[in-house]
C-alpha atoms as a PDB file:
ATOM      1  CA  MET A   1      99.880 -18.808  50.440  1.00  0.00           C
ATOM      2  CA  GLU A   2      97.431 -20.257  47.913  1.00  0.00           C
ATOM      3  CA  ASN A   3      97.538 -19.274  44.263  1.00  0.00           C
ATOM      4  CA  VAL A   4      94.438 -17.096  44.026  1.00  0.00           C
ATOM      5  CA  GLY A   5      91.722 -18.705  41.933  1.00  0.00           C
ATOM      6  CA  VAL A   6      93.814 -21.763  41.074  1.00  0.00           C
ATOM      7  CA  VAL A   7      92.160 -25.173  41.470  1.00  0.00           C
ATOM      8  CA  SER A   8      94.462 -28.001  42.540  1.00  0.00           C
ATOM      9  CA  VAL A   9      93.018 -31.074  40.814  1.00  0.00           C
ATOM     10  CA  ILE A  10      94.188 -34.219  42.594  1.00  0.00           C
ATOM     11  CA  ILE A  11      94.195 -37.444  40.565  1.00  0.00           C
ATOM     12  CA  PRO A  12      95.472 -40.722  42.081  1.00  0.00           C
ATOM     13  CA  VAL A  13      96.655 -43.027  39.296  1.00  0.00           C
ATOM     14  CA  HIS A  14      97.255 -46.762  39.407  1.00  0.00           C
ATOM     15  CA  ASN A  15      97.893 -48.613  36.138  1.00  0.00           C
ATOM     16  CA  VAL A  16      95.727 -46.267  34.065  1.00  0.00           C
ATOM     17  CA  GLU A  17      98.008 -45.661  31.089  1.00  0.00           C
ATOM     18  CA  ASN A  18      95.022 -46.008  28.724  1.00  0.00           C
ATOM     19  CA  TYR A  19      93.190 -43.139  30.435  1.00  0.00           C
ATOM     20  CA  VAL A  20      95.974 -40.562  30.742  1.00  0.00           C
ATOM     21  CA  HIS A  21      95.342 -39.006  27.326  1.00  0.00           C
ATOM     22  CA  ASN A  22      91.641 -38.570  28.190  1.00  0.00           C
ATOM     23  CA  ILE A  23      92.498 -36.834  31.470  1.00  0.00           C
ATOM     24  CA  PHE A  24      94.600 -34.237  29.673  1.00  0.00           C
ATOM     25  CA  GLU A  25      91.962 -33.778  26.970  1.00  0.00           C
ATOM     26  CA  PHE A  26      89.276 -33.164  29.593  1.00  0.00           C
ATOM     27  CA  MET A  27      91.475 -30.681  31.452  1.00  0.00           C
ATOM     28  CA  ASN A  28      92.666 -28.868  28.338  1.00  0.00           C
ATOM     29  CA  SER A  29      89.054 -28.344  27.293  1.00  0.00           C
ATOM     30  CA  GLN A  30      88.033 -26.787  30.618  1.00  0.00           C
ATOM     31  CA  GLU A  31      86.405 -23.376  30.277  1.00  0.00           C
ATOM     32  CA  TYR A  32      88.083 -22.382  33.548  1.00  0.00           C
ATOM     33  CA  LYS A  33      91.819 -22.226  32.883  1.00  0.00           C
ATOM     34  CA  LYS A  34      93.362 -21.557  36.310  1.00  0.00           C
ATOM     35  CA  TRP A  35      94.280 -25.029  37.512  1.00  0.00           C
ATOM     36  CA  GLU A  36      97.159 -27.288  38.375  1.00  0.00           C
ATOM     37  CA  LEU A  37      97.190 -31.059  37.965  1.00  0.00           C
ATOM     38  CA  ILE A  38      98.580 -33.239  40.742  1.00  0.00           C
ATOM     39  CA  PHE A  39      99.104 -36.858  39.763  1.00  0.00           C
ATOM     40  CA  ILE A  40      99.813 -39.235  42.632  1.00  0.00           C
ATOM     41  CA  ASN A  41     101.379 -42.434  41.371  1.00  0.00           C
ATOM     42  CA  ASP A  42      99.739 -45.146  43.481  1.00  0.00           C
ATOM     43  CA  HIS A  43     102.343 -47.880  42.845  1.00  0.00           C
ATOM     44  CA  SER A  44     101.671 -48.244  39.107  1.00  0.00           C
ATOM     45  CA  THR A  45     103.500 -51.034  37.291  1.00  0.00           C
ATOM     46  CA  ASP A  46     102.546 -50.026  33.738  1.00  0.00           C
ATOM     47  CA  ASN A  47     103.414 -46.943  31.654  1.00  0.00           C
ATOM     48  CA  THR A  48     101.083 -44.530  33.454  1.00  0.00           C
ATOM     49  CA  ILE A  49     103.762 -42.051  34.555  1.00  0.00           C
ATOM     50  CA  ARG A  50     105.562 -42.185  31.204  1.00  0.00           C
ATOM     51  CA  GLU A  51     102.255 -41.229  29.567  1.00  0.00           C
ATOM     52  CA  VAL A  52     101.721 -38.382  32.063  1.00  0.00           C
ATOM     53  CA  ASN A  53     105.201 -36.997  31.331  1.00  0.00           C
ATOM     54  CA  ARG A  54     104.552 -37.218  27.600  1.00  0.00           C
ATOM     55  CA  GLU A  55     101.114 -35.565  27.715  1.00  0.00           C
ATOM     56  CA  LYS A  56     102.118 -32.735  30.052  1.00  0.00           C
ATOM     57  CA  GLN A  57     104.483 -31.328  27.425  1.00  0.00           C
ATOM     58  CA  GLY A  58     101.500 -29.961  25.528  1.00  0.00           C
ATOM     59  CA  ILE A  59     100.010 -27.758  28.272  1.00  0.00           C
ATOM     60  CA  ILE A  60     101.056 -24.555  30.016  1.00  0.00           C
ATOM     61  CA  GLN A  61      99.448 -25.287  33.380  1.00  0.00           C
ATOM     62  CA  ARG A  62     101.453 -26.718  36.248  1.00  0.00           C
ATOM     63  CA  VAL A  63     101.641 -30.522  36.415  1.00  0.00           C
ATOM     64  CA  ILE A  64     103.033 -32.235  39.518  1.00  0.00           C
ATOM     65  CA  ILE A  65     103.858 -35.925  39.757  1.00  0.00           C
ATOM     66  CA  LYS A  66     104.316 -37.457  43.193  1.00  0.00           C
ATOM     67  CA  ASP A  67     104.771 -41.018  44.367  1.00  0.00           C
ATOM     68  CA  ASN A  68     102.301 -42.309  46.934  1.00  0.00           C
ATOM     69  CA  SER A  69     104.289 -42.616  50.145  1.00  0.00           C
ATOM     70  CA  GLY A  70     101.622 -44.899  51.635  1.00  0.00           C
ATOM     71  CA  ILE A  71      99.309 -47.617  50.408  1.00  0.00           C
ATOM     72  CA  GLY A  72      95.985 -47.002  48.671  1.00  0.00           C
ATOM     73  CA  VAL A  73      93.864 -44.135  47.449  1.00  0.00           C
ATOM     74  CA  SER A  74      93.492 -42.434  50.865  1.00  0.00           C
ATOM     75  CA  ALA A  75      97.234 -42.046  51.241  1.00  0.00           C
ATOM     76  CA  ALA A  76      97.473 -40.909  47.608  1.00  0.00           C
ATOM     77  CA  ARG A  77      94.876 -38.187  48.090  1.00  0.00           C
ATOM     78  CA  ASN A  78      96.576 -37.024  51.289  1.00  0.00           C
ATOM     79  CA  THR A  79      99.851 -36.718  49.388  1.00  0.00           C
ATOM     80  CA  GLY A  80      97.968 -34.684  46.787  1.00  0.00           C
ATOM     81  CA  ILE A  81      96.498 -32.343  49.399  1.00  0.00           C
ATOM     82  CA  LYS A  82      99.903 -31.754  50.968  1.00  0.00           C
ATOM     83  CA  SER A  83     101.419 -31.076  47.528  1.00  0.00           C
ATOM     84  CA  SER A  84      98.726 -28.611  46.432  1.00  0.00           C
ATOM     85  CA  SER A  85      99.192 -24.854  46.146  1.00  0.00           C
ATOM     86  CA  GLY A  86      95.807 -23.747  44.786  1.00  0.00           C
ATOM     87  CA  GLU A  87      93.118 -21.713  46.506  1.00  0.00           C
ATOM     88  CA  TYR A  88      90.690 -24.581  45.901  1.00  0.00           C
ATOM     89  CA  ILE A  89      91.012 -28.353  45.898  1.00  0.00           C
ATOM     90  CA  ALA A  90      89.129 -30.775  43.644  1.00  0.00           C
ATOM     91  CA  PHE A  91      89.409 -34.493  43.017  1.00  0.00           C
ATOM     92  CA  VAL A  92      88.973 -36.465  39.799  1.00  0.00           C
ATOM     93  CA  ASP A  93      89.192 -40.228  39.328  1.00  0.00           C
ATOM     94  CA  ALA A  94      91.399 -41.181  36.411  1.00  0.00           C
ATOM     95  CA  ASP A  95      88.828 -43.307  34.567  1.00  0.00           C
ATOM     96  CA  ASP A  96      85.902 -40.883  34.876  1.00  0.00           C
ATOM     97  CA  LYS A  97      84.822 -38.052  32.575  1.00  0.00           C
ATOM     98  CA  ILE A  98      84.314 -34.338  33.211  1.00  0.00           C
ATOM     99  CA  LYS A  99      82.482 -31.860  31.016  1.00  0.00           C
ATOM    100  CA  THR A 100      84.080 -28.646  29.799  1.00  0.00           C
ATOM    101  CA  ASN A 101      82.187 -26.584  32.400  1.00  0.00           C
ATOM    102  CA  TYR A 102      83.143 -28.754  35.396  1.00  0.00           C
ATOM    103  CA  LEU A 103      85.609 -26.403  37.086  1.00  0.00           C
ATOM    104  CA  ARG A 104      83.818 -23.233  35.987  1.00  0.00           C
ATOM    105  CA  VAL A 105      80.515 -24.303  37.542  1.00  0.00           C
ATOM    106  CA  LEU A 106      82.153 -25.157  40.858  1.00  0.00           C
ATOM    107  CA  VAL A 107      84.445 -22.125  41.054  1.00  0.00           C
ATOM    108  CA  GLU A 108      81.751 -19.605  40.089  1.00  0.00           C
ATOM    109  CA  ASN A 109      79.497 -21.047  42.774  1.00  0.00           C
ATOM    110  CA  ILE A 110      82.100 -21.033  45.542  1.00  0.00           C
ATOM    111  CA  ILE A 111      83.027 -17.424  44.729  1.00  0.00           C
ATOM    112  CA  ASP A 112      79.387 -16.353  44.619  1.00  0.00           C
ATOM    113  CA  THR A 113      78.310 -18.134  47.819  1.00  0.00           C
ATOM    114  CA  LYS A 114      81.604 -17.894  49.765  1.00  0.00           C
ATOM    115  CA  ALA A 115      80.923 -21.458  50.944  1.00  0.00           C
ATOM    116  CA  ASP A 116      83.599 -23.703  52.438  1.00  0.00           C
ATOM    117  CA  ILE A 117      82.468 -26.625  50.270  1.00  0.00           C
ATOM    118  CA  VAL A 118      80.541 -26.897  46.997  1.00  0.00           C
ATOM    119  CA  MET A 119      78.963 -30.089  45.644  1.00  0.00           C
ATOM    120  CA  CYS A 120      77.218 -30.698  42.327  1.00  0.00           C
ATOM    121  CA  SER A 121      75.011 -33.489  41.023  1.00  0.00           C
ATOM    122  CA  TYR A 122      76.530 -36.067  38.694  1.00  0.00           C
ATOM    123  CA  VAL A 123      75.775 -38.693  36.053  1.00  0.00           C
ATOM    124  CA  GLU A 124      76.421 -42.390  36.654  1.00  0.00           C
ATOM    125  CA  VAL A 125      77.362 -44.414  33.564  1.00  0.00           C
ATOM    126  CA  LEU A 126      77.018 -48.211  33.585  1.00  0.00           C
ATOM    127  CA  ASN A 127      77.210 -50.431  30.508  1.00  0.00           C
ATOM    128  CA  GLY A 128      76.484 -47.455  28.256  1.00  0.00           C
ATOM    129  CA  SER A 129      73.373 -46.422  30.191  1.00  0.00           C
ATOM    130  CA  THR A 130      73.280 -43.162  32.119  1.00  0.00           C
ATOM    131  CA  LYS A 131      71.476 -42.263  35.323  1.00  0.00           C
ATOM    132  CA  VAL A 132      71.312 -38.736  36.719  1.00  0.00           C
ATOM    133  CA  LYS A 133      72.139 -38.556  40.428  1.00  0.00           C
ATOM    134  CA  LEU A 134      70.541 -35.346  41.651  1.00  0.00           C
ATOM    135  CA  LEU A 135      71.290 -33.835  45.027  1.00  0.00           C
ATOM    136  CA  PRO A 136      68.192 -33.460  47.218  1.00  0.00           C
ATOM    137  CA  TRP A 137      69.276 -29.948  48.227  1.00  0.00           C
ATOM    138  CA  ASN A 138      69.950 -26.826  46.197  1.00  0.00           C
ATOM    139  CA  GLY A 139      71.579 -23.572  47.185  1.00  0.00           C
ATOM    140  CA  LEU A 140      73.556 -22.362  50.173  1.00  0.00           C
ATOM    141  CA  ILE A 141      73.331 -23.765  53.694  1.00  0.00           C
ATOM    142  CA  LYS A 142      75.077 -21.091  55.726  1.00  0.00           C
ATOM    143  CA  SER A 143      75.178 -22.168  59.340  1.00  0.00           C
ATOM    144  CA  SER A 144      76.727 -25.052  61.268  1.00  0.00           C
ATOM    145  CA  ASN A 145      73.383 -25.756  62.937  1.00  0.00           C
ATOM    146  CA  ASP A 146      71.572 -26.036  59.605  1.00  0.00           C
ATOM    147  CA  ILE A 147      74.258 -28.370  58.262  1.00  0.00           C
ATOM    148  CA  ARG A 148      73.951 -30.597  61.337  1.00  0.00           C
ATOM    149  CA  ASN A 149      70.154 -30.539  61.346  1.00  0.00           C
ATOM    150  CA  LYS A 150      69.372 -30.706  57.614  1.00  0.00           C
ATOM    151  CA  ILE A 151      72.326 -32.454  55.987  1.00  0.00           C
ATOM    152  CA  ILE A 152      74.086 -34.731  58.452  1.00  0.00           C
ATOM    153  CA  PRO A 153      71.057 -36.843  59.540  1.00  0.00           C
ATOM    154  CA  ARG A 154      70.234 -37.902  55.987  1.00  0.00           C
ATOM    155  CA  LEU A 155      73.876 -38.771  55.334  1.00  0.00           C
ATOM    156  CA  VAL A 156      73.873 -41.121  58.329  1.00  0.00           C
ATOM    157  CA  PHE A 157      70.711 -42.830  57.057  1.00  0.00           C
ATOM    158  CA  PRO A 158      67.692 -41.542  55.103  1.00  0.00           C
ATOM    159  CA  ARG A 159      64.213 -42.055  56.497  1.00  0.00           C
ATOM    160  CA  LYS A 160      61.258 -42.947  54.338  1.00  0.00           C
ATOM    161  CA  ASN A 161      60.737 -40.431  51.508  1.00  0.00           C
ATOM    162  CA  GLU A 162      64.246 -39.041  52.048  1.00  0.00           C
ATOM    163  CA  LYS A 163      66.644 -39.629  49.177  1.00  0.00           C
ATOM    164  CA  GLN A 164      69.889 -41.408  49.991  1.00  0.00           C
ATOM    165  CA  VAL A 165      72.970 -39.277  49.324  1.00  0.00           C
ATOM    166  CA  TRP A 166      76.437 -40.677  48.679  1.00  0.00           C
ATOM    167  CA  LEU A 167      79.525 -38.636  49.435  1.00  0.00           C
ATOM    168  CA  PRO A 168      82.021 -39.294  46.648  1.00  0.00           C
ATOM    169  CA  VAL A 169      84.886 -36.861  46.945  1.00  0.00           C
ATOM    170  CA  TRP A 170      84.836 -36.092  43.230  1.00  0.00           C
ATOM    171  CA  ARG A 171      82.081 -33.611  42.190  1.00  0.00           C
ATOM    172  CA  THR A 172      83.263 -31.517  45.186  1.00  0.00           C
ATOM    173  CA  LEU A 173      85.274 -28.288  45.464  1.00  0.00           C
ATOM    174  CA  ILE A 174      86.832 -27.336  48.800  1.00  0.00           C
ATOM    175  CA  LYS A 175      88.512 -24.128  49.952  1.00  0.00           C
ATOM    176  CA  ALA A 176      92.129 -25.046  50.635  1.00  0.00           C
ATOM    177  CA  ASN A 177      92.479 -22.769  53.663  1.00  0.00           C
ATOM    178  CA  PHE A 178      89.330 -24.259  55.233  1.00  0.00           C
ATOM    179  CA  LEU A 179      90.643 -27.776  54.626  1.00  0.00           C
ATOM    180  CA  ARG A 180      94.004 -26.980  56.216  1.00  0.00           C
ATOM    181  CA  LYS A 181      92.487 -25.204  59.221  1.00  0.00           C
ATOM    182  CA  SER A 182      90.160 -28.149  59.828  1.00  0.00           C
ATOM    183  CA  ASN A 183      93.221 -30.436  59.938  1.00  0.00           C
ATOM    184  CA  ILE A 184      91.189 -33.246  58.338  1.00  0.00           C
ATOM    185  CA  LEU A 185      92.735 -35.763  55.967  1.00  0.00           C
ATOM    186  CA  PHE A 186      91.633 -39.095  54.535  1.00  0.00           C
ATOM    187  CA  ASN A 187      91.855 -41.921  57.049  1.00  0.00           C
ATOM    188  CA  GLU A 188      94.510 -44.241  55.643  1.00  0.00           C
ATOM    189  CA  LYS A 189      93.185 -47.201  57.651  1.00  0.00           C
ATOM    190  CA  LEU A 190      90.082 -47.256  55.467  1.00  0.00           C
ATOM    191  CA  SER A 191      89.964 -49.218  52.229  1.00  0.00           C
ATOM    192  CA  GLN A 192      86.239 -48.590  51.612  1.00  0.00           C
ATOM    193  CA  ALA A 193      84.077 -45.444  51.887  1.00  0.00           C
ATOM    194  CA  GLU A 194      87.135 -43.380  52.784  1.00  0.00           C
ATOM    195  CA  ASP A 195      85.713 -40.384  50.928  1.00  0.00           C
ATOM    196  CA  PHE A 196      82.468 -40.578  52.930  1.00  0.00           C
ATOM    197  CA  MET A 197      84.264 -40.221  56.267  1.00  0.00           C
ATOM    198  CA  PHE A 198      86.499 -37.443  54.917  1.00  0.00           C
ATOM    199  CA  LEU A 199      83.622 -35.312  53.635  1.00  0.00           C
ATOM    200  CA  PHE A 200      81.328 -36.220  56.530  1.00  0.00           C
ATOM    201  CA  GLU A 201      83.785 -34.811  59.056  1.00  0.00           C
ATOM    202  CA  LEU A 202      84.523 -31.792  56.857  1.00  0.00           C
ATOM    203  CA  LEU A 203      80.796 -30.996  56.777  1.00  0.00           C
ATOM    204  CA  LEU A 204      80.650 -31.251  60.564  1.00  0.00           C
ATOM    205  CA  ASN A 205      83.432 -28.639  60.715  1.00  0.00           C
ATOM    206  CA  SER A 206      81.949 -26.404  58.050  1.00  0.00           C
ATOM    207  CA  LYS A 207      79.957 -23.205  58.523  1.00  0.00           C
ATOM    208  CA  SER A 208      78.659 -23.181  54.958  1.00  0.00           C
ATOM    209  CA  VAL A 209      78.096 -25.619  52.121  1.00  0.00           C
ATOM    210  CA  SER A 210      76.590 -24.964  48.707  1.00  0.00           C
ATOM    211  CA  PHE A 211      74.727 -27.513  46.586  1.00  0.00           C
ATOM    212  CA  ILE A 212      74.332 -27.260  42.811  1.00  0.00           C
ATOM    213  CA  ARG A 213      71.401 -29.543  42.111  1.00  0.00           C
ATOM    214  CA  ASN A 214      70.685 -28.782  38.479  1.00  0.00           C
ATOM    215  CA  SER A 215      74.171 -29.084  37.009  1.00  0.00           C
ATOM    216  CA  MET A 216      75.754 -32.494  36.312  1.00  0.00           C
ATOM    217  CA  PRO A 217      79.262 -31.826  34.920  1.00  0.00           C
ATOM    218  CA  TYR A 218      80.840 -34.997  36.354  1.00  0.00           C
ATOM    219  CA  TYR A 219      80.399 -38.462  34.814  1.00  0.00           C
ATOM    220  CA  TYR A 220      81.132 -41.363  37.131  1.00  0.00           C
ATOM    221  CA  ILE A 221      82.019 -44.376  34.975  1.00  0.00           C
ATOM    222  CA  ARG A 222      80.968 -47.450  36.909  1.00  0.00           C
ATOM    223  CA  ARG A 223      82.652 -50.672  35.832  1.00  0.00           C
ATOM    224  CA  TYR A 224      80.586 -53.873  35.745  1.00  0.00           C
ATOM    225  CA  ASN A 225      83.530 -55.891  37.038  1.00  0.00           C
ATOM    226  CA  SER A 226      83.748 -53.680  40.099  1.00  0.00           C
ATOM    227  CA  ALA A 227      83.700 -54.844  43.714  1.00  0.00           C
ATOM    228  CA  LEU A 228      79.907 -54.637  43.630  1.00  0.00           C
ATOM    229  CA  ASN A 229      79.843 -57.731  41.450  1.00  0.00           C
ATOM    230  CA  SER A 230      82.407 -60.005  43.073  1.00  0.00           C
ATOM    231  CA  PHE A 231      82.996 -61.351  46.567  1.00  0.00           C
ATOM    232  CA  ILE A 232      84.975 -58.981  48.783  1.00  0.00           C
ATOM    233  CA  GLU A 233      87.265 -60.700  51.254  1.00  0.00           C
ATOM    234  CA  ASN A 234      87.046 -59.458  54.856  1.00  0.00           C
ATOM    235  CA  ASN A 235      84.336 -56.994  53.832  1.00  0.00           C
ATOM    236  CA  LEU A 236      82.554 -57.129  57.189  1.00  0.00           C
ATOM    237  CA  GLU A 237      85.781 -56.516  59.104  1.00  0.00           C
ATOM    238  CA  HIS A 238      86.475 -53.429  56.969  1.00  0.00           C
ATOM    239  CA  GLN A 239      82.930 -52.192  57.473  1.00  0.00           C
ATOM    240  CA  ASP A 240      83.316 -52.641  61.235  1.00  0.00           C
ATOM    241  CA  ILE A 241      86.257 -50.233  61.118  1.00  0.00           C
ATOM    242  CA  ASN A 242      84.151 -47.722  59.173  1.00  0.00           C
ATOM    243  CA  HIS A 243      81.339 -47.964  61.684  1.00  0.00           C
ATOM    244  CA  SER A 244      83.658 -47.622  64.665  1.00  0.00           C
ATOM    245  CA  LEU A 245      85.004 -44.403  63.160  1.00  0.00           C
ATOM    246  CA  LEU A 246      81.509 -43.148  62.369  1.00  0.00           C
ATOM    247  CA  VAL A 247      80.308 -43.763  65.950  1.00  0.00           C
ATOM    248  CA  GLU A 248      83.446 -42.122  67.275  1.00  0.00           C
ATOM    249  CA  CYS A 249      82.789 -39.109  65.059  1.00  0.00           C
ATOM    250  CA  LEU A 250      79.117 -38.830  66.077  1.00  0.00           C
ATOM    251  CA  ASN A 251      80.061 -39.043  69.757  1.00  0.00           C
ATOM    252  CA  HIS A 252      82.863 -36.504  69.335  1.00  0.00           C
ATOM    253  CA  TYR A 253      80.408 -33.952  67.944  1.00  0.00           C
ATOM    254  CA  GLY A 254      77.747 -34.828  70.538  1.00  0.00           C
ATOM    255  CA  ILE A 255      75.107 -36.026  68.067  1.00  0.00           C
ATOM    256  CA  TYR A 256      75.107 -39.807  68.466  1.00  0.00           C
ATOM    257  CA  GLU A 257      72.029 -40.029  70.702  1.00  0.00           C
ATOM    258  CA  LYS A 258      70.091 -37.695  68.434  1.00  0.00           C
ATOM    259  CA  LEU A 259      70.948 -39.812  65.397  1.00  0.00           C
ATOM    260  CA  LYS A 260      71.023 -43.200  67.114  1.00  0.00           C
ATOM    261  CA  ILE A 261      68.156 -44.809  65.172  1.00  0.00           C
ATOM    262  CA  ARG A 262      69.539 -43.522  61.868  1.00  0.00           C
ATOM    263  CA  TYR A 263      72.967 -44.895  62.746  1.00  0.00           C
ATOM    264  CA  LEU A 264      71.610 -48.303  63.782  1.00  0.00           C
ATOM    265  CA  SER A 265      69.590 -48.444  60.560  1.00  0.00           C
ATOM    266  CA  ASN A 266      72.835 -47.818  58.694  1.00  0.00           C
ATOM    267  CA  LYS A 267      74.437 -50.669  60.639  1.00  0.00           C
ATOM    268  CA  ALA A 268      71.503 -52.964  59.795  1.00  0.00           C
ATOM    269  CA  SER A 269      72.094 -52.247  56.111  1.00  0.00           C
ATOM    270  CA  MET A 270      75.712 -53.261  56.607  1.00  0.00           C
ATOM    271  CA  TYR A 271      74.630 -56.776  57.608  1.00  0.00           C
ATOM    272  CA  SER A 272      72.231 -57.023  54.677  1.00  0.00           C
ATOM    273  CA  ILE A 273      75.019 -56.008  52.292  1.00  0.00           C
ATOM    274  CA  ALA A 274      77.358 -58.521  53.955  1.00  0.00           C
ATOM    275  CA  ILE A 275      74.886 -61.350  53.284  1.00  0.00           C
ATOM    276  CA  SER A 276      74.586 -60.251  49.644  1.00  0.00           C
ATOM    277  CA  ASN A 277      78.371 -60.254  49.451  1.00  0.00           C
ATOM    278  CA  ALA A 278      78.415 -63.832  50.763  1.00  0.00           C
ATOM    279  CA  THR A 279      76.171 -65.014  47.932  1.00  0.00           C
ATOM    280  CA  ARG A 280      78.795 -63.918  45.380  1.00  0.00           C
ATOM    281  CA  ILE A 281      81.011 -66.844  46.388  1.00  0.00           C
ATOM    282  CA  ASN A 282      80.732 -69.529  43.725  1.00  0.00           C
ATOM    283  CA  ASN A 283      80.454 -72.283  46.303  1.00  0.00           C
ATOM    284  CA  ARG A 284      77.285 -72.845  48.314  1.00  0.00           C
ATOM    285  CA  VAL A 285      79.054 -74.393  51.311  1.00  0.00           C
ATOM    286  CA  GLU A 286      81.411 -71.418  51.545  1.00  0.00           C
ATOM    287  CA  THR A 287      78.474 -69.034  51.106  1.00  0.00           C
ATOM    288  CA  LEU A 288      76.667 -70.635  54.053  1.00  0.00           C
ATOM    289  CA  ASN A 289      79.813 -70.428  56.166  1.00  0.00           C
ATOM    290  CA  GLU A 290      80.224 -66.764  55.305  1.00  0.00           C
ATOM    291  CA  ILE A 291      76.616 -66.043  56.315  1.00  0.00           C
ATOM    292  CA  ARG A 292      77.337 -67.827  59.612  1.00  0.00           C
ATOM    293  CA  ASN A 293      80.298 -65.482  60.002  1.00  0.00           C
ATOM    294  CA  VAL A 294      77.955 -62.529  59.418  1.00  0.00           C
ATOM    295  CA  ARG A 295      75.641 -63.853  62.131  1.00  0.00           C
ATOM    296  CA  ALA A 296      78.555 -64.271  64.542  1.00  0.00           C
ATOM    297  CA  HIS A 297      79.351 -60.572  64.054  1.00  0.00           C
ATOM    298  CA  TYR A 298      75.716 -59.654  64.578  1.00  0.00           C
ATOM    299  CA  VAL A 299      75.444 -61.663  67.811  1.00  0.00           C
ATOM    300  CA  LYS A 300      78.401 -59.698  69.206  1.00  0.00           C
ATOM    301  CA  ASP A 301      76.950 -56.382  68.050  1.00  0.00           C
ATOM    302  CA  ARG A 302      75.325 -55.247  71.294  1.00  0.00           C
ATOM    303  CA  LYS A 303      74.391 -51.826  69.929  1.00  0.00           C
ATOM    304  CA  LEU A 304      72.204 -53.328  67.221  1.00  0.00           C
ATOM    305  CA  ASN A 305      71.058 -56.774  68.332  1.00  0.00           C
ATOM    306  CA  THR A 306      69.550 -55.403  71.563  1.00  0.00           C
ATOM    307  CA  PHE A 307      67.627 -52.687  69.692  1.00  0.00           C
ATOM    308  CA  PRO A 308      64.057 -53.434  68.509  1.00  0.00           C
ATOM    309  CA  ILE A 309      64.229 -54.282  64.821  1.00  0.00           C
ATOM    310  CA  SER A 310      60.752 -52.854  64.256  1.00  0.00           C
ATOM    311  CA  HIS A 311      61.991 -49.380  65.266  1.00  0.00           C
ATOM    312  CA  LEU A 312      64.631 -49.215  62.541  1.00  0.00           C
ATOM    313  CA  TYR A 313      64.106 -47.090  59.413  1.00  0.00           C
ATOM    314  CA  ASN A 314      65.155 -49.841  56.984  1.00  0.00           C
ATOM    315  CA  ARG A 315      63.011 -51.441  54.317  1.00  0.00           C
ATOM    316  CA  VAL A 316      60.928 -54.449  55.363  1.00  0.00           C
ATOM    317  CA  SER A 317      63.230 -56.800  53.424  1.00  0.00           C
ATOM    318  CA  VAL A 318      66.261 -55.666  55.440  1.00  0.00           C
ATOM    319  CA  LYS A 319      64.378 -55.978  58.725  1.00  0.00           C
ATOM    320  CA  MET A 320      63.241 -59.470  57.734  1.00  0.00           C
ATOM    321  CA  GLY A 321      66.868 -60.358  57.008  1.00  0.00           C
ATOM    322  CA  LEU A 322      67.826 -59.263  60.516  1.00  0.00           C
ATOM    323  CA  TYR A 323      65.020 -61.338  62.046  1.00  0.00           C
ATOM    324  CA  LEU A 324      66.209 -64.399  60.111  1.00  0.00           C
ATOM    325  CA  LEU A 325      69.813 -63.695  61.113  1.00  0.00           C
ATOM    326  CA  LYS A 326      68.785 -63.453  64.754  1.00  0.00           C
ATOM    327  CA  MET A 327      66.874 -66.749  64.506  1.00  0.00           C
ATOM    328  CA  ASN A 328      69.866 -68.433  62.827  1.00  0.00           C
ATOM    329  CA  CYS A 329      67.936 -69.227  59.621  1.00  0.00           C
ATOM    330  CA  ILE A 330      71.097 -69.484  57.528  1.00  0.00           C
ATOM    331  CA  HIS A 331      69.714 -71.633  54.692  1.00  0.00           C
ATOM    332  CA  ILE A 332      66.649 -69.426  54.258  1.00  0.00           C
ATOM    333  CA  LEU A 333      68.858 -66.332  54.118  1.00  0.00           C
ATOM    334  CA  GLU A 334      71.066 -67.988  51.505  1.00  0.00           C
ATOM    335  CA  LEU A 335      68.047 -68.798  49.340  1.00  0.00           C
ATOM    336  CA  ILE A 336      66.472 -65.336  49.605  1.00  0.00           C
ATOM    337  CA  TYR A 337      69.669 -63.347  49.083  1.00  0.00           C
ATOM    338  CA  SER A 338      70.962 -65.579  46.268  1.00  0.00           C
ATOM    339  CA  THR A 339      67.698 -64.970  44.428  1.00  0.00           C
ATOM    340  CA  LYS A 340      67.991 -61.211  45.008  1.00  0.00           C
ATOM    341  CA  GLU A 341      71.583 -61.233  43.797  1.00  0.00           C
ATOM    342  CA  LYS A 342      70.665 -63.070  40.576  1.00  0.00           C
ATOM    343  CA  HIS A 343      67.885 -60.553  39.955  1.00  0.00           C
ATOM    344  CA  ARG A 344      70.258 -57.621  40.558  1.00  0.00           C
ATOM    345  CA  ARG A 345      72.847 -58.985  38.150  1.00  0.00           C
ATOM    346  CA  GLY A 346      70.163 -59.637  35.568  1.00  0.00           C
ATOM    347  CA  LYS A 347      69.192 -55.960  35.681  1.00  0.00           C
ATOM    348  CA  LEU A 348      72.818 -54.931  35.116  1.00  0.00           C
ATOM    349  CA  ASN A 349      73.249 -57.118  32.021  1.00  0.00           C
END
């Protein structure tokens, strides 16, 4: 039986001793006071848990500390879900920031709308600059059909003039009983975009979701030295797993054919991102070999490489990249994408 009104806030922690004090400050300052904190120790080797034990002495709310029984953030969040006792479940990343109204805004909305899931807009912070990430929707969507017709297609891939929407699990509040009845957990095989697949399937099982467009109480602190700025080993192989699960999910709910072009456009973007990833290797010969590896994947991708590129919803630059990949123009791709990568990094500095 859930604690009525209590929000279980799940926070995976891995070597974040310098952020623990901030987490407790943010939570202590919350206008909504009915919460419990669930820290999942994701194999930390520093003083993170010692700091959690020290800081928790100063609060009256329940604080739980669990060890991650698996590997990675998906397993950690699953441990948090299973350890929770609140009526609602929320997630916070240890190095992010939440405003004092974060829980209040979400809880008031979920009570008012009776939705299964509530999502708010957020603020992205990079190198001291902020960018507001507004949801394209506002208000309550209260039928499974509307969710599948209005929300799901854009999440698979946005068409022209449709805003792309990410599905980070933070900035989201979920009814605990809905989550348990759906029997959905994070897929522990995934090391990337695990929150997308979790929320995507939850939305497909939901009868109601509420969007709070004009409130941004969550601050996502993006680190410059993140994976977006360095070469990711085996990235394409990991993305293949994601796409296999996404296709499986779309087929399971009988919507693959309806969303086929959107899905294939998403897959085309995967190859474009993989080429960009290759250009982050500080060795031109290895970069060229990695792009050849990307092409080898593409040649085997019968779903995409037999589909007319002109029919995809991607930008012209992505379609051109696919044409060049198909024609085996490896050196041209390396030149174009290396230039794009330098320009992107220049904008971040």
